[in-house]
Amino acid sequence: MPAPIRDVSPAEVLLTVPGSPAERAAAHAVGVLAVLGVPAALTVDAVAVAVAALVLGGVVLARVIALPGWLQAALGAAMLAAAAASVLGLYVTTPWIDLPAHLLLNGLIAASLGVLLLRAGMLADPRSRHGRAGIALTVATTGIALGVVWEIAEWVGFTYIDRSVYVYYGDTIGDLSAGGTGCVLAGLLIAREAR
């Protein structure tokens, strides 16, 4: 007989992090920083508030879908770093920062999608070499596709919303290359961890 399903409170969902005590502590620390980022952004401007709210939403989503603690912490930290770089104008004053940001964020988002697809049984059987290759390829290409969507969104933002969105051909190609590399690495990691 299956175990009875028990009611889980929203607070319990937001406070539960799978993983070791260190992974849980890191994920909770990132969560606290994401929450504190919103009032801090209020002292800057509306764009900073929108960026902080986006980061907080991402951190909460990672918690609600119960990503592994290490992935919650890494993804949240990468989002916080990217947001801070944006608010501080580092993408303009130090343009090379954009490349590691795309490598990390695209890769960690691809890894998160890989975890979800594995959990849903939508990826190949990880017990065979061919299955792991399929997992790596699916995770990488899904992440790369999302990177393309992001670059299109940047172009739309630049073209129709605000010319301060930093978009030019070399930037887009660099972003796609760095993000694609991160997605390939994420695919290999998820395939290896899925065994």
Protein backbone atom coordinates (compact mmCIF):
# COMPACT_ATOMS: atom_id res chain seq x y z
CA MET A 1 0.00 0.00 0.00
CA PRO A 2 1.47 3.40 -0.98
CA ALA A 3 2.31 5.91 1.71
CA PRO A 4 -0.44 8.43 2.36
CA ILE A 5 -0.01 11.84 0.77
CA ARG A 6 0.33 14.51 3.41
CA ASP A 7 -0.42 18.20 3.11
CA VAL A 8 2.63 20.38 2.72
CA SER A 9 2.52 24.05 3.66
CA PRO A 10 3.93 26.72 1.33
CA ALA A 11 6.48 27.61 4.02
CA GLU A 12 7.64 23.99 4.14
CA VAL A 13 8.11 23.97 0.36
CA LEU A 14 10.17 27.17 0.49
CA LEU A 15 12.31 25.98 3.39
CA THR A 16 13.02 22.45 2.15
CA VAL A 17 16.22 22.00 0.16
CA PRO A 18 17.39 18.57 -0.99
CA GLY A 19 21.05 17.81 -0.38
CA SER A 20 23.76 17.83 2.24
CA PRO A 21 23.76 20.31 5.14
CA ALA A 22 26.37 22.43 3.30
CA GLU A 23 24.25 22.48 0.12
CA ARG A 24 21.16 23.43 2.12
CA ALA A 25 23.04 26.22 3.94
CA ALA A 26 24.39 27.60 0.65
CA ALA A 27 20.94 27.54 -0.98
CA HIS A 28 19.38 29.27 2.05
CA ALA A 29 22.14 31.93 2.06
CA VAL A 30 21.48 32.65 -1.62
CA GLY A 31 17.76 32.86 -0.87
CA VAL A 32 18.33 35.41 1.90
CA LEU A 33 20.54 37.51 -0.40
CA ALA A 34 17.89 37.39 -3.14
CA VAL A 35 15.21 38.59 -0.70
CA LEU A 36 17.47 41.39 0.60
CA GLY A 37 18.28 42.39 -2.99
CA VAL A 38 14.77 43.73 -3.58
CA PRO A 39 14.76 46.45 -0.89
CA ALA A 40 18.39 47.26 -1.77
CA ALA A 41 17.33 47.74 -5.40
CA LEU A 42 14.66 50.23 -4.30
CA THR A 43 17.50 52.62 -3.44
CA VAL A 44 18.80 52.49 -7.04
CA ASP A 45 16.05 52.70 -9.69
CA ALA A 46 13.12 50.87 -11.29
CA VAL A 47 15.36 48.78 -13.55
CA ALA A 48 17.32 47.55 -10.52
CA VAL A 49 14.04 46.62 -8.82
CA ALA A 50 12.93 44.68 -11.90
CA VAL A 51 16.28 42.85 -12.03
CA ALA A 52 16.14 42.04 -8.30
CA ALA A 53 12.56 40.81 -8.63
CA LEU A 54 13.59 38.59 -11.56
CA VAL A 55 16.42 37.08 -9.50
CA LEU A 56 14.12 36.51 -6.52
CA GLY A 57 11.59 34.85 -8.82
CA GLY A 58 14.29 32.55 -10.20
CA VAL A 59 15.50 31.60 -6.71
CA VAL A 60 11.95 30.89 -5.55
CA LEU A 61 11.21 28.83 -8.69
CA ALA A 62 14.36 26.74 -8.14
CA ARG A 63 13.19 26.10 -4.57
CA VAL A 64 9.59 25.26 -5.51
CA ILE A 65 10.65 22.75 -8.18
CA ALA A 66 13.05 21.23 -5.61
CA LEU A 67 16.26 21.39 -7.60
CA PRO A 68 19.20 19.75 -5.80
CA GLY A 69 20.69 22.05 -3.16
CA TRP A 70 24.01 22.47 -4.99
CA LEU A 71 22.18 23.53 -8.15
CA GLN A 72 19.90 25.95 -6.28
CA ALA A 73 22.94 27.56 -4.65
CA ALA A 74 24.99 27.77 -7.86
CA LEU A 75 22.12 29.07 -9.99
CA GLY A 76 21.06 31.60 -7.37
CA ALA A 77 24.63 32.83 -6.87
CA ALA A 78 25.12 33.18 -10.64
CA MET A 79 21.85 35.13 -10.96
CA LEU A 80 22.84 37.41 -8.06
CA ALA A 81 26.28 38.05 -9.58
CA ALA A 82 24.81 38.77 -13.03
CA ALA A 83 22.22 41.11 -11.51
CA ALA A 84 24.87 42.96 -9.50
CA ALA A 85 27.01 43.34 -12.63
CA SER A 86 24.00 44.76 -14.47
CA VAL A 87 23.03 47.23 -11.74
CA LEU A 88 26.65 48.37 -11.29
CA GLY A 89 27.05 48.87 -15.06
CA LEU A 90 29.89 46.34 -15.29
CA TYR A 91 28.66 44.96 -18.62
CA VAL A 92 29.44 48.39 -20.10
CA THR A 93 32.64 49.24 -18.21
CA THR A 94 34.05 45.69 -18.23
CA PRO A 95 32.41 43.99 -21.25
CA TRP A 96 34.25 40.65 -20.89
CA ILE A 97 32.20 39.94 -17.73
CA ASP A 98 29.27 39.15 -20.03
CA LEU A 99 30.96 35.95 -21.29
CA PRO A 100 31.41 34.13 -17.95
CA ALA A 101 27.92 35.30 -16.97
CA HIS A 102 26.44 33.61 -20.06
CA LEU A 103 28.62 30.53 -19.63
CA LEU A 104 27.44 30.06 -16.04
CA LEU A 105 23.82 31.12 -16.33
CA ASN A 106 23.05 29.30 -19.57
CA GLY A 107 24.83 26.20 -18.30
CA LEU A 108 23.09 26.22 -14.92
CA ILE A 109 19.68 26.81 -16.50
CA ALA A 110 20.34 23.93 -18.92
CA ALA A 111 21.37 21.72 -16.00
CA SER A 112 18.16 22.68 -14.17
CA LEU A 113 16.09 21.76 -17.21
CA GLY A 114 18.02 18.49 -17.47
CA VAL A 115 17.17 17.63 -13.87
CA LEU A 116 13.49 18.35 -14.55
CA LEU A 117 13.44 16.33 -17.78
CA LEU A 118 15.15 13.39 -16.06
CA ARG A 119 12.72 13.59 -13.17
CA ALA A 120 9.78 13.57 -15.61
CA GLY A 121 11.17 10.52 -17.42
CA MET A 122 11.50 12.48 -20.66
CA LEU A 123 15.16 11.65 -21.32
CA ALA A 124 16.88 8.50 -22.48
CA ASP A 125 17.85 5.71 -20.10
CA PRO A 126 21.06 6.87 -18.39
CA ARG A 127 22.30 3.31 -17.80
CA SER A 128 23.60 2.94 -21.36
CA ARG A 129 26.30 4.93 -23.13
CA HIS A 130 23.84 5.85 -25.90
CA GLY A 131 21.30 6.97 -23.31
CA ARG A 132 23.84 9.23 -21.60
CA ALA A 133 24.86 10.66 -24.98
CA GLY A 134 21.20 11.41 -25.68
CA ILE A 135 20.84 13.10 -22.30
CA ALA A 136 23.93 15.25 -22.88
CA LEU A 137 22.75 16.23 -26.36
CA THR A 138 19.19 17.02 -25.25
CA VAL A 139 20.29 19.11 -22.27
CA ALA A 140 22.84 21.01 -24.36
CA THR A 141 20.52 21.76 -27.26
CA THR A 142 17.62 22.74 -25.00
CA GLY A 143 19.88 25.17 -23.16
CA ILE A 144 21.29 26.57 -26.42
CA ALA A 145 17.76 27.10 -27.75
CA LEU A 146 16.86 29.06 -24.62
CA GLY A 147 20.04 31.11 -25.11
CA VAL A 148 18.84 32.03 -28.60
CA VAL A 149 15.47 33.08 -27.17
CA TRP A 150 17.31 35.27 -24.63
CA GLU A 151 19.32 36.97 -27.36
CA ILE A 152 16.13 37.62 -29.34
CA ALA A 153 14.61 39.15 -26.20
CA GLU A 154 17.67 41.39 -25.82
CA TRP A 155 17.26 42.54 -29.43
CA VAL A 156 13.54 43.22 -28.88
CA GLY A 157 14.39 45.18 -25.74
CA PHE A 158 16.99 47.24 -27.62
CA THR A 159 14.79 47.80 -30.68
CA TYR A 160 11.43 48.51 -29.05
CA ILE A 161 11.94 49.35 -25.37
CA ASP A 162 15.27 50.93 -24.40
CA ARG A 163 18.36 51.65 -26.47
CA SER A 164 20.54 51.20 -23.38
CA VAL A 165 20.18 47.41 -23.74
CA TYR A 166 23.64 46.46 -24.97
CA VAL A 167 23.21 44.63 -28.29
CA TYR A 168 25.49 44.32 -31.29
CA TYR A 169 26.52 41.46 -33.55
CA GLY A 170 29.79 40.61 -31.79
CA ASP A 171 28.10 40.68 -28.39
CA THR A 172 25.36 38.33 -29.56
CA ILE A 173 27.81 35.85 -31.09
CA GLY A 174 30.00 35.98 -27.97
CA ASP A 175 26.97 35.44 -25.73
CA LEU A 176 25.76 32.49 -27.81
CA SER A 177 29.24 30.94 -27.89
CA ALA A 178 29.82 31.28 -24.14
CA GLY A 179 26.27 30.18 -23.31
CA GLY A 180 26.51 27.25 -25.71
CA THR A 181 29.75 26.12 -24.07
CA GLY A 182 28.06 26.26 -20.67
CA CYS A 183 25.14 24.21 -22.01
CA VAL A 184 27.43 21.54 -23.44
CA LEU A 185 29.23 21.28 -20.10
CA ALA A 186 25.87 21.08 -18.33
CA GLY A 187 24.74 18.29 -20.67
CA LEU A 188 27.89 16.30 -19.92
CA LEU A 189 27.47 16.88 -16.16
CA ILE A 190 23.81 15.84 -16.09
CA ALA A 191 24.52 12.75 -18.21
CA ARG A 192 27.34 11.77 -15.84
CA GLU A 193 25.26 12.40 -12.70
CA ALA A 194 22.25 10.50 -14.11
CA ARG A 195 24.00 7.11 -14.08
